[in-house]
Amino acid sequence: MIGISSRVDDVVSFYRALEESDRPRAYFEFVDVEGWVDEGARALYETVEHEGELIAIRQIELPSAGGVHRYSWRRMEDAFGGLTDEPIDPHEDPVKPIPREAFVEVWNSLPHEV
Protein backbone atom coordinates (compact mmCIF):
# COMPACT_ATOMS: atom_id res chain seq x y z
CA MET A 1 0.00 0.00 0.00
CA ILE A 2 1.29 3.43 -0.94
CA GLY A 3 1.20 5.86 1.95
CA ILE A 4 0.27 9.51 1.82
CA SER A 5 3.87 10.59 2.37
CA SER A 6 5.07 8.69 -0.71
CA ARG A 7 2.36 10.33 -2.84
CA VAL A 8 3.37 13.74 -1.49
CA ASP A 9 6.99 12.91 -2.31
CA ASP A 10 5.93 12.02 -5.87
CA VAL A 11 4.14 15.36 -6.30
CA VAL A 12 7.09 17.30 -4.89
CA SER A 13 9.47 15.38 -7.18
CA PHE A 14 7.27 16.14 -10.20
CA TYR A 15 7.27 19.92 -9.54
CA ARG A 16 10.97 19.92 -8.66
CA ALA A 17 11.84 18.18 -11.93
CA LEU A 18 9.79 20.72 -13.88
CA GLU A 19 11.43 23.66 -12.10
CA GLU A 20 14.93 22.27 -12.58
CA SER A 21 14.31 21.47 -16.25
CA ASP A 22 15.54 23.61 -19.11
CA ARG A 23 12.03 24.02 -20.51
CA PRO A 24 11.12 27.54 -21.63
CA ARG A 25 9.27 29.62 -19.05
CA ALA A 26 6.22 31.85 -19.39
CA TYR A 27 5.10 34.32 -16.74
CA PHE A 28 1.60 35.53 -15.92
CA GLU A 29 -0.24 37.81 -13.53
CA PHE A 30 -3.78 37.45 -12.24
CA VAL A 31 -5.53 40.41 -10.58
CA ASP A 32 -8.80 39.73 -8.77
CA VAL A 33 -10.79 42.68 -10.11
CA GLU A 34 -14.11 40.83 -9.79
CA GLY A 35 -13.74 40.00 -6.10
CA TRP A 36 -13.86 36.24 -6.79
CA VAL A 37 -11.76 35.52 -3.71
CA ASP A 38 -10.04 38.74 -2.59
CA GLU A 39 -10.76 41.85 -4.64
CA GLY A 40 -7.51 43.59 -5.51
CA ALA A 41 -5.33 40.57 -4.72
CA ARG A 42 -2.67 39.54 -7.22
CA ALA A 43 -1.03 36.26 -8.13
CA LEU A 44 2.11 35.86 -10.23
CA TYR A 45 3.00 32.58 -11.91
CA GLU A 46 6.10 31.06 -13.48
CA THR A 47 5.02 28.25 -15.80
CA VAL A 48 6.49 25.56 -18.02
CA GLU A 49 4.78 23.47 -20.66
CA HIS A 50 4.13 19.84 -19.78
CA GLU A 51 2.08 17.56 -22.03
CA GLY A 52 0.53 20.54 -23.80
CA GLU A 53 -0.45 22.44 -20.65
CA LEU A 54 1.16 25.33 -18.80
CA ILE A 55 1.98 24.16 -15.28
CA ALA A 56 2.76 26.71 -12.55
CA ILE A 57 6.08 25.81 -10.95
CA ARG A 58 6.42 28.93 -8.82
CA GLN A 59 3.61 31.16 -7.57
CA ILE A 60 3.44 34.39 -5.57
CA GLU A 61 0.22 35.42 -3.80
CA LEU A 62 -0.17 39.09 -2.87
CA PRO A 63 -3.37 39.52 -0.81
CA SER A 64 -5.15 42.88 -0.96
CA ALA A 65 -4.68 43.35 2.80
CA GLY A 66 -0.92 43.01 2.47
CA GLY A 67 1.49 40.21 3.10
CA VAL A 68 2.84 37.74 0.62
CA HIS A 69 2.92 33.99 0.15
CA ARG A 70 5.12 32.10 -2.25
CA TYR A 71 4.90 28.51 -3.36
CA SER A 72 7.08 26.07 -5.27
CA TRP A 73 8.19 22.47 -4.80
CA ARG A 74 10.01 23.68 -1.69
CA ARG A 75 6.75 24.81 -0.07
CA MET A 76 3.72 23.42 -1.83
CA GLU A 77 1.19 24.82 0.65
CA ASP A 78 0.69 26.53 3.96
CA ALA A 79 -2.22 27.75 6.08
CA PHE A 80 -3.04 30.44 3.50
CA GLY A 81 -3.06 28.44 0.27
CA GLY A 82 -0.77 26.58 -2.07
CA LEU A 83 0.71 26.11 -5.49
CA THR A 84 -2.13 25.78 -7.96
CA ASP A 85 -2.69 22.27 -9.24
CA GLU A 86 -4.66 23.54 -12.24
CA PRO A 87 -2.93 24.37 -15.53
CA ILE A 88 -2.76 28.04 -16.51
CA ASP A 89 -4.70 28.68 -19.72
CA PRO A 90 -3.99 32.20 -21.00
CA HIS A 91 -6.88 31.88 -23.47
CA GLU A 92 -9.46 30.97 -20.80
CA ASP A 93 -8.06 32.29 -17.50
CA PRO A 94 -8.10 36.01 -16.67
CA VAL A 95 -4.29 36.27 -16.68
CA LYS A 96 -1.96 38.50 -18.61
CA PRO A 97 1.63 37.79 -19.65
CA ILE A 98 4.31 39.62 -17.69
CA PRO A 99 8.07 39.89 -18.26
CA ARG A 100 10.31 37.37 -16.51
CA GLU A 101 12.02 40.25 -14.72
CA ALA A 102 8.74 41.36 -13.10
CA PHE A 103 8.24 37.91 -11.58
CA VAL A 104 11.87 37.40 -10.54
CA GLU A 105 12.09 40.83 -8.90
CA VAL A 106 9.18 40.04 -6.58
CA TRP A 107 10.29 36.43 -5.98
CA ASN A 108 13.84 37.47 -5.06
CA SER A 109 12.63 40.25 -2.75
CA LEU A 110 10.90 37.72 -0.47
CA PRO A 111 12.51 35.92 2.46
CA HIS A 112 13.54 32.35 1.72
CA GLU A 113 11.61 29.48 3.24
CA VAL A 114 13.09 27.78 6.24
C-alpha atoms as a PDB file:
ATOM      1  CA  MET A   1       0.000   0.000   0.000  1.00  0.00           C
ATOM      2  CA  ILE A   2       1.295   3.433  -0.939  1.00  0.00           C
ATOM      3  CA  GLY A   3       1.198   5.861   1.954  1.00  0.00           C
ATOM      4  CA  ILE A   4       0.266   9.513   1.821  1.00  0.00           C
ATOM      5  CA  SER A   5       3.869  10.592   2.374  1.00  0.00           C
ATOM      6  CA  SER A   6       5.069   8.691  -0.707  1.00  0.00           C
ATOM      7  CA  ARG A   7       2.361  10.330  -2.843  1.00  0.00           C
ATOM      8  CA  VAL A   8       3.369  13.741  -1.494  1.00  0.00           C
ATOM      9  CA  ASP A   9       6.991  12.909  -2.312  1.00  0.00           C
ATOM     10  CA  ASP A  10       5.935  12.019  -5.872  1.00  0.00           C
ATOM     11  CA  VAL A  11       4.144  15.360  -6.296  1.00  0.00           C
ATOM     12  CA  VAL A  12       7.089  17.299  -4.891  1.00  0.00           C
ATOM     13  CA  SER A  13       9.471  15.380  -7.179  1.00  0.00           C
ATOM     14  CA  PHE A  14       7.269  16.143 -10.198  1.00  0.00           C
ATOM     15  CA  TYR A  15       7.274  19.917  -9.544  1.00  0.00           C
ATOM     16  CA  ARG A  16      10.968  19.923  -8.659  1.00  0.00           C
ATOM     17  CA  ALA A  17      11.838  18.181 -11.933  1.00  0.00           C
ATOM     18  CA  LEU A  18       9.788  20.725 -13.884  1.00  0.00           C
ATOM     19  CA  GLU A  19      11.433  23.661 -12.097  1.00  0.00           C
ATOM     20  CA  GLU A  20      14.934  22.269 -12.581  1.00  0.00           C
ATOM     21  CA  SER A  21      14.309  21.472 -16.249  1.00  0.00           C
ATOM     22  CA  ASP A  22      15.544  23.615 -19.112  1.00  0.00           C
ATOM     23  CA  ARG A  23      12.026  24.022 -20.510  1.00  0.00           C
ATOM     24  CA  PRO A  24      11.117  27.545 -21.632  1.00  0.00           C
ATOM     25  CA  ARG A  25       9.274  29.622 -19.047  1.00  0.00           C
ATOM     26  CA  ALA A  26       6.224  31.851 -19.392  1.00  0.00           C
ATOM     27  CA  TYR A  27       5.096  34.319 -16.744  1.00  0.00           C
ATOM     28  CA  PHE A  28       1.604  35.533 -15.916  1.00  0.00           C
ATOM     29  CA  GLU A  29      -0.238  37.814 -13.526  1.00  0.00           C
ATOM     30  CA  PHE A  30      -3.785  37.454 -12.236  1.00  0.00           C
ATOM     31  CA  VAL A  31      -5.528  40.414 -10.576  1.00  0.00           C
ATOM     32  CA  ASP A  32      -8.804  39.727  -8.771  1.00  0.00           C
ATOM     33  CA  VAL A  33     -10.790  42.685 -10.111  1.00  0.00           C
ATOM     34  CA  GLU A  34     -14.110  40.831  -9.787  1.00  0.00           C
ATOM     35  CA  GLY A  35     -13.743  39.995  -6.096  1.00  0.00           C
ATOM     36  CA  TRP A  36     -13.858  36.243  -6.791  1.00  0.00           C
ATOM     37  CA  VAL A  37     -11.761  35.523  -3.713  1.00  0.00           C
ATOM     38  CA  ASP A  38     -10.040  38.739  -2.594  1.00  0.00           C
ATOM     39  CA  GLU A  39     -10.757  41.854  -4.637  1.00  0.00           C
ATOM     40  CA  GLY A  40      -7.511  43.592  -5.514  1.00  0.00           C
ATOM     41  CA  ALA A  41      -5.330  40.573  -4.717  1.00  0.00           C
ATOM     42  CA  ARG A  42      -2.669  39.542  -7.222  1.00  0.00           C
ATOM     43  CA  ALA A  43      -1.031  36.261  -8.129  1.00  0.00           C
ATOM     44  CA  LEU A  44       2.114  35.862 -10.226  1.00  0.00           C
ATOM     45  CA  TYR A  45       3.002  32.579 -11.906  1.00  0.00           C
ATOM     46  CA  GLU A  46       6.097  31.064 -13.482  1.00  0.00           C
ATOM     47  CA  THR A  47       5.016  28.249 -15.801  1.00  0.00           C
ATOM     48  CA  VAL A  48       6.488  25.556 -18.019  1.00  0.00           C
ATOM     49  CA  GLU A  49       4.778  23.467 -20.657  1.00  0.00           C
ATOM     50  CA  HIS A  50       4.128  19.838 -19.783  1.00  0.00           C
ATOM     51  CA  GLU A  51       2.084  17.559 -22.026  1.00  0.00           C
ATOM     52  CA  GLY A  52       0.531  20.541 -23.804  1.00  0.00           C
ATOM     53  CA  GLU A  53      -0.450  22.435 -20.645  1.00  0.00           C
ATOM     54  CA  LEU A  54       1.163  25.333 -18.798  1.00  0.00           C
ATOM     55  CA  ILE A  55       1.981  24.162 -15.276  1.00  0.00           C
ATOM     56  CA  ALA A  56       2.759  26.712 -12.551  1.00  0.00           C
ATOM     57  CA  ILE A  57       6.080  25.811 -10.945  1.00  0.00           C
ATOM     58  CA  ARG A  58       6.417  28.935  -8.815  1.00  0.00           C
ATOM     59  CA  GLN A  59       3.610  31.164  -7.568  1.00  0.00           C
ATOM     60  CA  ILE A  60       3.437  34.387  -5.570  1.00  0.00           C
ATOM     61  CA  GLU A  61       0.217  35.418  -3.802  1.00  0.00           C
ATOM     62  CA  LEU A  62      -0.166  39.091  -2.870  1.00  0.00           C
ATOM     63  CA  PRO A  63      -3.372  39.523  -0.805  1.00  0.00           C
ATOM     64  CA  SER A  64      -5.150  42.883  -0.961  1.00  0.00           C
ATOM     65  CA  ALA A  65      -4.684  43.354   2.801  1.00  0.00           C
ATOM     66  CA  GLY A  66      -0.917  43.012   2.468  1.00  0.00           C
ATOM     67  CA  GLY A  67       1.485  40.212   3.097  1.00  0.00           C
ATOM     68  CA  VAL A  68       2.844  37.745   0.620  1.00  0.00           C
ATOM     69  CA  HIS A  69       2.918  33.990   0.153  1.00  0.00           C
ATOM     70  CA  ARG A  70       5.124  32.099  -2.248  1.00  0.00           C
ATOM     71  CA  TYR A  71       4.898  28.511  -3.356  1.00  0.00           C
ATOM     72  CA  SER A  72       7.081  26.074  -5.268  1.00  0.00           C
ATOM     73  CA  TRP A  73       8.192  22.467  -4.803  1.00  0.00           C
ATOM     74  CA  ARG A  74      10.013  23.684  -1.685  1.00  0.00           C
ATOM     75  CA  ARG A  75       6.750  24.806  -0.066  1.00  0.00           C
ATOM     76  CA  MET A  76       3.717  23.420  -1.827  1.00  0.00           C
ATOM     77  CA  GLU A  77       1.191  24.821   0.646  1.00  0.00           C
ATOM     78  CA  ASP A  78       0.694  26.533   3.958  1.00  0.00           C
ATOM     79  CA  ALA A  79      -2.224  27.747   6.084  1.00  0.00           C
ATOM     80  CA  PHE A  80      -3.040  30.443   3.496  1.00  0.00           C
ATOM     81  CA  GLY A  81      -3.058  28.442   0.269  1.00  0.00           C
ATOM     82  CA  GLY A  82      -0.775  26.581  -2.066  1.00  0.00           C
ATOM     83  CA  LEU A  83       0.712  26.111  -5.489  1.00  0.00           C
ATOM     84  CA  THR A  84      -2.131  25.776  -7.958  1.00  0.00           C
ATOM     85  CA  ASP A  85      -2.692  22.275  -9.243  1.00  0.00           C
ATOM     86  CA  GLU A  86      -4.662  23.542 -12.239  1.00  0.00           C
ATOM     87  CA  PRO A  87      -2.933  24.374 -15.533  1.00  0.00           C
ATOM     88  CA  ILE A  88      -2.765  28.039 -16.514  1.00  0.00           C
ATOM     89  CA  ASP A  89      -4.703  28.677 -19.724  1.00  0.00           C
ATOM     90  CA  PRO A  90      -3.993  32.202 -20.997  1.00  0.00           C
ATOM     91  CA  HIS A  91      -6.885  31.876 -23.469  1.00  0.00           C
ATOM     92  CA  GLU A  92      -9.458  30.969 -20.800  1.00  0.00           C
ATOM     93  CA  ASP A  93      -8.060  32.289 -17.502  1.00  0.00           C
ATOM     94  CA  PRO A  94      -8.097  36.010 -16.669  1.00  0.00           C
ATOM     95  CA  VAL A  95      -4.295  36.269 -16.677  1.00  0.00           C
ATOM     96  CA  LYS A  96      -1.956  38.500 -18.611  1.00  0.00           C
ATOM     97  CA  PRO A  97       1.628  37.786 -19.646  1.00  0.00           C
ATOM     98  CA  ILE A  98       4.312  39.622 -17.690  1.00  0.00           C
ATOM     99  CA  PRO A  99       8.069  39.886 -18.256  1.00  0.00           C
ATOM    100  CA  ARG A 100      10.312  37.374 -16.513  1.00  0.00           C
ATOM    101  CA  GLU A 101      12.018  40.247 -14.715  1.00  0.00           C
ATOM    102  CA  ALA A 102       8.744  41.358 -13.096  1.00  0.00           C
ATOM    103  CA  PHE A 103       8.242  37.906 -11.578  1.00  0.00           C
ATOM    104  CA  VAL A 104      11.874  37.398 -10.544  1.00  0.00           C
ATOM    105  CA  GLU A 105      12.094  40.832  -8.903  1.00  0.00           C
ATOM    106  CA  VAL A 106       9.183  40.041  -6.584  1.00  0.00           C
ATOM    107  CA  TRP A 107      10.285  36.429  -5.983  1.00  0.00           C
ATOM    108  CA  ASN A 108      13.837  37.467  -5.056  1.00  0.00           C
ATOM    109  CA  SER A 109      12.632  40.248  -2.745  1.00  0.00           C
ATOM    110  CA  LEU A 110      10.904  37.724  -0.471  1.00  0.00           C
ATOM    111  CA  PRO A 111      12.509  35.924   2.463  1.00  0.00           C
ATOM    112  CA  HIS A 112      13.545  32.352   1.719  1.00  0.00           C
ATOM    113  CA  GLU A 113      11.609  29.481   3.238  1.00  0.00           C
ATOM    114  CA  VAL A 114      13.094  27.784   6.241  1.00  0.00           C
END
